[in-house]
């Protein structure tokens, strides 16, 4: 479908209907109402969570133990960047935006009414409208998208290259995870899993200046990139006993901080066995299957501090500023750009992980 064949007032959108059933469809271009923003999408990244939704992970579609999260049909994509096409009444004053500005919206649109929103923890909102998964918040794999009235929107410098601007959302998530880890000077900090999010964590953790920053992954090319982004040591569990290697690095104690971003249940156990007593473990991954572990390690054996990390609260403005000033290293994370109509190819590239890291769809 090309621009010349589309009807006036319609646009292309990658619509999720069911696992393995994503369709490029023609849908109406939204009209912004009060406090709403219409964005002309410049790029939208494919996240690992998009792929897990695509292949039918229970977190998104449900199983005997849980209700599915995704609502259909919904336009996919939450890693978007674009330019303001139109502003509804009040939106310009509310967000400080004008037509033509580059803008982004946090991945969650809070309800402002639940207990979490009313106590300032909007990223834990009960309603939890995330772009690309709920029908109230259609995503950015489209020519245009709408920021609803309660969205959290930000101006993005026009001079920021698109390959950097498109990383704002994942970098905000990475920064929040690193904040949760409470890295101190002298710590041995481990980032396990160096896909897009893990590489962002390496870049953010480098700014905390731990004593030793370690990246762990089964892909040597990604480990090489992690080293260029600030990792001091890289380890591959295919040829290294990770817990033993970390004990060797730390005089037998184990690492002080372990951020789990592998997306694989065994990454949890690897981390718990790798840590020193009293260390900080951060669980970030969106797992496609449950993980089981020996909870005695967490309690009686090591008295570990366990933290979750969800979304990128309070980090968007910092990430935008740091990217614009060149403080965050991100070169090499974006490996491919594809036209919107090649979305299936892009999903398969991210799923395989062979030769790609961040794949962007360009409408």
Protein backbone atom coordinates (compact mmCIF):
# COMPACT_ATOMS: atom_id res chain seq x y z
CA UNK A 1 0.00 0.00 0.00
CA UNK A 2 1.51 3.35 -1.03
CA UNK A 3 0.60 6.92 -0.24
CA UNK A 4 -0.89 7.34 -3.71
CA UNK A 5 -3.29 4.43 -3.21
CA UNK A 6 -4.50 5.38 0.26
CA UNK A 7 -7.76 7.21 0.74
CA UNK A 8 -7.70 10.80 1.98
CA UNK A 9 -7.92 10.77 5.76
CA UNK A 10 -6.52 7.27 6.21
CA UNK A 11 -3.15 5.88 7.13
CA UNK A 12 -1.24 2.62 7.33
CA UNK A 13 -1.02 0.86 10.69
CA UNK A 14 0.41 -2.49 11.85
CA UNK A 15 -2.54 -3.95 13.72
CA UNK A 16 -2.29 -6.80 16.20
CA UNK A 17 -5.27 -9.18 16.04
CA UNK A 18 -3.89 -12.36 17.63
CA UNK A 19 -0.58 -14.21 18.05
CA UNK A 20 1.14 -14.41 14.67
CA UNK A 21 -1.71 -12.33 13.21
CA UNK A 22 -0.39 -8.81 12.64
CA UNK A 23 -1.73 -6.99 9.58
CA UNK A 24 -0.79 -3.80 7.74
CA UNK A 25 -4.19 -2.14 7.47
CA UNK A 26 -5.66 1.15 6.35
CA UNK A 27 -7.35 2.95 9.23
CA UNK A 28 -8.62 6.52 9.80
CA UNK A 29 -6.11 9.16 10.82
CA UNK A 30 -7.05 10.20 14.39
CA UNK A 31 -8.36 13.69 15.05
CA UNK A 32 -6.93 15.23 18.23
CA UNK A 33 -9.48 16.34 20.83
CA UNK A 34 -8.89 18.57 23.88
CA UNK A 35 -5.33 18.20 25.26
CA UNK A 36 -4.50 15.60 22.61
CA UNK A 37 -1.57 15.54 20.17
CA UNK A 38 -1.42 14.00 16.69
CA UNK A 39 2.06 12.77 15.87
CA UNK A 40 3.46 12.01 12.42
CA UNK A 41 5.68 9.04 13.21
CA UNK A 42 9.32 9.23 12.10
CA UNK A 43 10.40 5.84 13.45
CA UNK A 44 9.24 3.07 15.76
CA UNK A 45 11.51 0.45 17.26
CA UNK A 46 10.64 -3.22 17.62
CA UNK A 47 11.03 -4.24 21.27
CA UNK A 48 11.60 -7.75 22.58
CA UNK A 49 8.22 -7.44 24.30
CA UNK A 50 6.63 -6.77 20.90
CA UNK A 51 8.12 -10.03 19.69
CA UNK A 52 6.92 -11.93 22.77
CA UNK A 53 3.42 -10.59 22.12
CA UNK A 54 3.74 -11.56 18.46
CA UNK A 55 4.68 -15.17 19.25
CA UNK A 56 1.94 -15.56 21.86
CA UNK A 57 3.62 -15.33 25.28
CA UNK A 58 1.12 -15.93 28.14
CA UNK A 59 1.88 -12.55 29.73
CA UNK A 60 0.17 -10.92 26.76
CA UNK A 61 -2.44 -13.51 25.77
CA UNK A 62 -3.12 -15.33 29.01
CA UNK A 63 -3.15 -18.96 30.04
CA UNK A 64 -4.69 -21.11 32.76
CA UNK A 65 -2.89 -19.06 35.42
CA UNK A 66 -3.40 -15.48 34.25
CA UNK A 67 -5.45 -13.13 32.15
CA UNK A 68 -3.83 -11.75 29.01
CA UNK A 69 -2.70 -8.13 28.88
CA UNK A 70 -3.07 -7.20 25.22
CA UNK A 71 -6.34 -5.85 23.79
CA UNK A 72 -7.21 -6.27 20.12
CA UNK A 73 -7.25 -5.03 17.48
CA UNK A 74 -4.53 -2.58 18.48
CA UNK A 75 -1.81 -0.74 16.56
CA UNK A 76 1.52 -2.07 17.82
CA UNK A 77 4.60 -0.16 18.92
CA UNK A 78 5.75 1.79 21.99
CA UNK A 79 9.27 2.89 20.97
CA UNK A 80 8.24 5.77 18.74
CA UNK A 81 9.47 9.24 17.85
CA UNK A 82 7.88 11.77 15.54
CA UNK A 83 6.77 15.31 14.82
CA UNK A 84 3.65 17.12 15.90
CA UNK A 85 1.14 17.14 13.07
CA UNK A 86 -1.80 18.73 14.90
CA UNK A 87 -2.77 19.87 18.38
CA UNK A 88 -6.16 19.62 20.03
CA UNK A 89 -7.54 22.54 22.08
CA UNK A 90 -5.31 23.21 25.09
CA UNK A 91 -2.51 20.84 24.08
CA UNK A 92 -0.06 23.53 22.95
CA UNK A 93 -0.23 25.32 26.31
CA UNK A 94 -0.25 22.12 28.35
CA UNK A 95 2.83 20.56 26.74
CA UNK A 96 4.70 23.54 25.30
CA UNK A 97 4.49 21.99 21.83
CA UNK A 98 3.77 23.43 18.41
CA UNK A 99 3.16 21.90 15.00
CA UNK A 100 6.45 20.66 13.54
CA UNK A 101 8.13 20.02 16.89
CA UNK A 102 9.70 16.65 17.46
CA UNK A 103 8.00 14.96 20.41
CA UNK A 104 7.71 11.77 22.40
CA UNK A 105 5.27 10.41 24.97
CA UNK A 106 6.06 8.13 27.90
CA UNK A 107 5.05 4.57 27.13
CA UNK A 108 2.31 4.58 29.77
CA UNK A 109 -0.69 6.90 29.84
CA UNK A 110 -1.73 6.98 33.53
CA UNK A 111 -5.36 7.04 34.59
CA UNK A 112 -4.75 9.69 37.30
CA UNK A 113 -7.45 8.02 39.42
CA UNK A 114 -6.06 4.82 40.95
CA UNK A 115 -4.13 4.61 44.22
CA UNK A 116 -0.78 4.45 42.45
CA UNK A 117 -1.41 7.50 40.28
CA UNK A 118 -2.72 9.52 43.22
CA UNK A 119 0.42 8.75 45.24
CA UNK A 120 2.77 9.72 42.40
CA UNK A 121 3.64 6.19 41.24
CA UNK A 122 1.97 6.58 37.87
CA UNK A 123 4.10 3.92 36.18
CA UNK A 124 2.35 1.30 38.34
CA UNK A 125 -1.11 2.54 37.27
CA UNK A 126 -3.85 -0.07 37.73
CA UNK A 127 -5.42 0.63 34.34
CA UNK A 128 -1.97 0.50 32.77
CA UNK A 129 -2.63 1.81 29.28
CA UNK A 130 0.63 1.16 27.44
CA UNK A 131 1.00 2.31 23.84
CA UNK A 132 0.76 -0.58 21.43
CA UNK A 133 -0.99 -3.02 23.75
CA UNK A 134 -4.27 -1.37 24.83
CA UNK A 135 -6.94 -0.07 22.49
CA UNK A 136 -7.04 3.23 24.41
CA UNK A 137 -3.41 3.81 23.43
CA UNK A 138 -2.71 2.70 19.87
CA UNK A 139 1.01 2.56 19.14
CA UNK A 140 3.57 3.96 16.76
CA UNK A 141 3.86 1.33 14.03
CA UNK A 142 1.80 3.59 11.81
CA UNK A 143 2.00 6.77 9.77
CA UNK A 144 0.35 8.75 12.58
CA UNK A 145 -0.56 8.19 16.22
CA UNK A 146 -2.48 10.01 18.92
CA UNK A 147 -1.22 11.07 22.35
CA UNK A 148 -4.31 11.00 24.62
CA UNK A 149 -5.23 13.84 26.97
CA UNK A 150 -3.52 12.29 30.01
CA UNK A 151 -0.31 11.40 28.18
CA UNK A 152 3.10 12.50 29.48
CA UNK A 153 4.69 14.27 26.51
CA UNK A 154 8.13 15.81 25.95
CA UNK A 155 9.80 18.07 23.41
CA UNK A 156 12.78 16.40 21.72
CA UNK A 157 15.55 18.43 20.03
CA UNK A 158 15.13 18.42 16.25
CA UNK A 159 18.87 18.11 15.74
CA UNK A 160 19.04 14.75 17.55
CA UNK A 161 19.68 12.06 14.89
CA UNK A 162 16.72 9.76 14.43
CA UNK A 163 18.78 6.70 15.43
CA UNK A 164 19.31 8.34 18.83
CA UNK A 165 15.88 9.88 19.24
CA UNK A 166 14.25 6.50 18.62
CA UNK A 167 16.16 5.07 21.61
CA UNK A 168 14.69 7.46 24.19
CA UNK A 169 12.03 5.01 25.40
CA UNK A 170 14.31 1.98 25.88
CA UNK A 171 17.02 4.16 27.41
CA UNK A 172 14.53 5.54 29.94
CA UNK A 173 13.75 1.96 30.96
CA UNK A 174 17.47 1.19 31.17
CA UNK A 175 18.15 4.26 33.29
CA UNK A 176 15.34 3.39 35.73
CA UNK A 177 16.72 -0.14 36.17
CA UNK A 178 20.19 1.23 36.89
CA UNK A 179 18.71 3.71 39.37
CA UNK A 180 16.98 0.84 41.15
CA UNK A 181 20.32 -0.98 41.47
CA UNK A 182 21.81 1.80 43.65
CA UNK A 183 25.32 1.31 42.27
CA UNK A 184 28.06 2.72 44.51
CA UNK A 185 31.68 3.62 43.86
CA UNK A 186 33.80 0.47 43.97
CA UNK A 187 30.92 -1.92 43.27
CA UNK A 188 31.22 -4.81 40.88
CA UNK A 189 28.04 -4.40 38.82
CA UNK A 190 26.76 -6.93 36.30
CA UNK A 191 24.40 -6.34 33.38
CA UNK A 192 23.16 -9.75 32.25
CA UNK A 193 21.72 -9.70 28.74
CA UNK A 194 22.96 -7.00 26.39
CA UNK A 195 20.23 -6.53 23.87
CA UNK A 196 18.98 -2.99 23.36
CA UNK A 197 17.88 -2.57 26.99
CA UNK A 198 20.97 -4.22 28.45
CA UNK A 199 23.28 -2.13 26.28
CA UNK A 200 21.44 0.95 27.49
CA UNK A 201 22.01 -0.24 31.04
CA UNK A 202 25.72 -0.59 30.33
CA UNK A 203 25.81 2.99 29.05
CA UNK A 204 23.85 4.29 32.06
CA UNK A 205 25.78 2.23 34.61
CA UNK A 206 29.06 3.52 33.18
CA UNK A 207 27.96 7.01 34.27
CA UNK A 208 27.71 5.68 37.85
CA UNK A 209 31.42 4.70 37.73
CA UNK A 210 31.33 1.33 39.49
CA UNK A 211 34.66 -0.28 40.31
CA UNK A 212 34.07 -2.95 37.68
CA UNK A 213 31.25 -3.07 35.13
CA UNK A 214 30.60 -6.55 33.74
CA UNK A 215 28.43 -7.47 30.74
CA UNK A 216 27.13 -11.03 30.30
CA UNK A 217 25.60 -12.44 27.12
CA UNK A 218 25.78 -15.47 24.84
CA UNK A 219 26.41 -13.28 21.77
CA UNK A 220 30.05 -12.23 21.38
CA UNK A 221 29.26 -9.44 18.93
CA UNK A 222 26.94 -7.84 21.45
CA UNK A 223 29.57 -8.26 24.15
CA UNK A 224 32.06 -6.40 21.96
CA UNK A 225 29.55 -3.57 21.61
CA UNK A 226 28.98 -3.59 25.37
CA UNK A 227 32.70 -3.09 25.90
CA UNK A 228 32.68 -0.11 23.52
CA UNK A 229 29.81 1.38 25.52
CA UNK A 230 31.66 1.12 28.82
CA UNK A 231 31.85 -2.47 30.10
CA UNK A 232 35.19 -3.35 31.73
CA UNK A 233 34.73 -7.10 31.49
CA UNK A 234 32.59 -9.25 29.17
CA UNK A 235 31.62 -12.85 29.91
CA UNK A 236 29.87 -15.47 27.77
CA UNK A 237 28.09 -18.23 29.75
CA UNK A 238 28.55 -20.60 26.82
CA UNK A 239 32.25 -20.86 27.67
CA UNK A 240 32.48 -19.40 31.20
CA UNK A 241 31.08 -20.39 34.58
CA UNK A 242 29.57 -16.99 35.39
CA UNK A 243 29.22 -17.32 39.19
CA UNK A 244 32.77 -18.63 39.49
CA UNK A 245 34.17 -15.95 37.17
CA UNK A 246 32.52 -13.22 39.25
CA UNK A 247 33.90 -14.74 42.45
CA UNK A 248 37.36 -14.76 40.86
CA UNK A 249 36.99 -11.06 39.99
CA UNK A 250 35.88 -10.13 43.51
CA UNK A 251 38.21 -12.13 45.72
CA UNK A 252 35.65 -14.86 46.25
CA UNK A 253 32.70 -12.70 47.28
CA UNK A 254 30.58 -12.30 44.14
CA UNK A 255 29.18 -9.17 42.51
CA UNK A 256 27.53 -6.35 44.47
CA UNK A 257 24.88 -5.59 41.83
CA UNK A 258 23.23 -7.87 39.28
CA UNK A 259 20.69 -6.52 36.77
CA UNK A 260 18.82 -9.33 35.03
CA UNK A 261 17.89 -8.40 31.46
CA UNK A 262 18.31 -11.71 29.64
CA UNK A 263 14.62 -12.53 29.28
CA UNK A 264 15.53 -16.13 30.12
CA UNK A 265 14.41 -17.77 33.39
CA UNK A 266 17.83 -19.31 33.98
CA UNK A 267 19.29 -15.81 34.05
CA UNK A 268 17.60 -15.35 37.43
CA UNK A 269 19.34 -18.35 38.99
CA UNK A 270 22.64 -17.37 37.41
CA UNK A 271 22.38 -13.98 39.05
CA UNK A 272 21.44 -15.21 42.50
CA UNK A 273 24.39 -17.60 42.52
CA UNK A 274 26.72 -14.85 41.28
CA UNK A 275 26.03 -12.30 44.02
CA UNK A 276 27.77 -11.41 47.23
CA UNK A 277 25.86 -11.37 50.51
CA UNK A 278 23.72 -8.27 50.96
CA UNK A 279 23.89 -7.41 47.26
CA UNK A 280 21.25 -5.74 45.08
CA UNK A 281 19.44 -7.85 42.46
CA UNK A 282 17.27 -6.03 39.89
CA UNK A 283 14.77 -8.02 37.84
CA UNK A 284 13.95 -6.24 34.59
CA UNK A 285 13.11 -8.90 32.00
CA UNK A 286 9.72 -9.58 30.48
CA UNK A 287 9.75 -13.38 30.70
CA UNK A 288 7.84 -15.53 28.25
CA UNK A 289 7.72 -18.31 30.85
CA UNK A 290 7.90 -18.46 34.68
CA UNK A 291 11.17 -18.77 36.55
CA UNK A 292 11.68 -20.90 39.66
CA UNK A 293 14.50 -20.57 42.14
CA UNK A 294 15.69 -21.48 45.63
CA UNK A 295 14.38 -18.63 47.77
CA UNK A 296 16.67 -19.66 50.62
CA UNK A 297 19.50 -18.05 48.65
CA UNK A 298 17.65 -14.72 48.81
CA UNK A 299 16.89 -14.96 52.52
CA UNK A 300 18.90 -17.09 54.91
CA UNK A 301 21.95 -17.64 52.71
CA UNK A 302 22.67 -14.14 51.35
CA UNK A 303 20.05 -11.65 52.61
CA UNK A 304 19.77 -10.12 49.14
CA UNK A 305 17.87 -6.96 48.24
CA UNK A 306 15.46 -7.77 45.41
CA UNK A 307 14.13 -4.93 43.24
CA UNK A 308 11.84 -4.89 40.25
CA UNK A 309 12.21 -2.33 37.46
CA UNK A 310 9.29 -1.30 35.29
CA UNK A 311 9.17 1.33 32.52
CA UNK A 312 11.14 4.59 32.69
CA UNK A 313 9.54 6.90 35.28
CA UNK A 314 11.30 10.20 35.83
CA UNK A 315 13.94 9.37 33.24
CA UNK A 316 12.68 10.77 29.93
CA UNK A 317 13.86 14.34 30.43
CA UNK A 318 17.27 13.15 31.65
CA UNK A 319 17.71 10.74 28.75
CA UNK A 320 16.74 13.42 26.21
CA UNK A 321 19.22 15.85 27.79
CA UNK A 322 22.04 13.30 28.06
CA UNK A 323 21.56 12.13 24.47
CA UNK A 324 21.53 15.69 23.21
CA UNK A 325 24.77 16.47 25.09
CA UNK A 326 26.45 13.23 24.03
CA UNK A 327 26.75 11.91 27.58
CA UNK A 328 25.12 8.54 26.81
CA UNK A 329 27.01 6.26 24.45
CA UNK A 330 24.59 4.53 22.07
CA UNK A 331 26.51 4.15 18.80
CA UNK A 332 25.95 0.72 17.28
CA UNK A 333 22.69 -0.15 19.07
CA UNK A 334 20.50 0.61 16.05
CA UNK A 335 21.53 -1.93 13.43
CA UNK A 336 18.67 -1.89 10.91
CA UNK A 337 16.01 0.42 9.53
CA UNK A 338 13.14 -1.07 7.53
CA UNK A 339 10.10 0.42 5.82
CA UNK A 340 6.87 -0.10 7.74
CA UNK A 341 5.58 -2.72 5.31
CA UNK A 342 8.51 -5.01 6.21
CA UNK A 343 7.37 -5.29 9.82
CA UNK A 344 7.14 -9.10 9.77
CA UNK A 345 10.74 -9.31 8.61
CA UNK A 346 11.69 -6.92 11.40
CA UNK A 347 9.91 -9.02 14.04
CA UNK A 348 11.71 -12.14 12.87
CA UNK A 349 15.06 -10.33 12.92
CA UNK A 350 14.57 -9.25 16.52
CA UNK A 351 13.33 -12.71 17.50
CA UNK A 352 16.40 -14.46 16.09
CA UNK A 353 18.86 -11.86 17.38
CA UNK A 354 21.30 -12.92 14.68
CA UNK A 355 23.08 -9.90 13.23
CA UNK A 356 20.63 -7.36 14.63
CA UNK A 357 20.03 -5.47 17.84
CA UNK A 358 17.60 -2.57 17.48
CA UNK A 359 15.45 -2.66 14.37
CA UNK A 360 13.54 0.51 13.48
CA UNK A 361 10.43 0.67 11.29
CA UNK A 362 10.24 3.84 9.20
CA UNK A 363 6.73 4.78 7.99
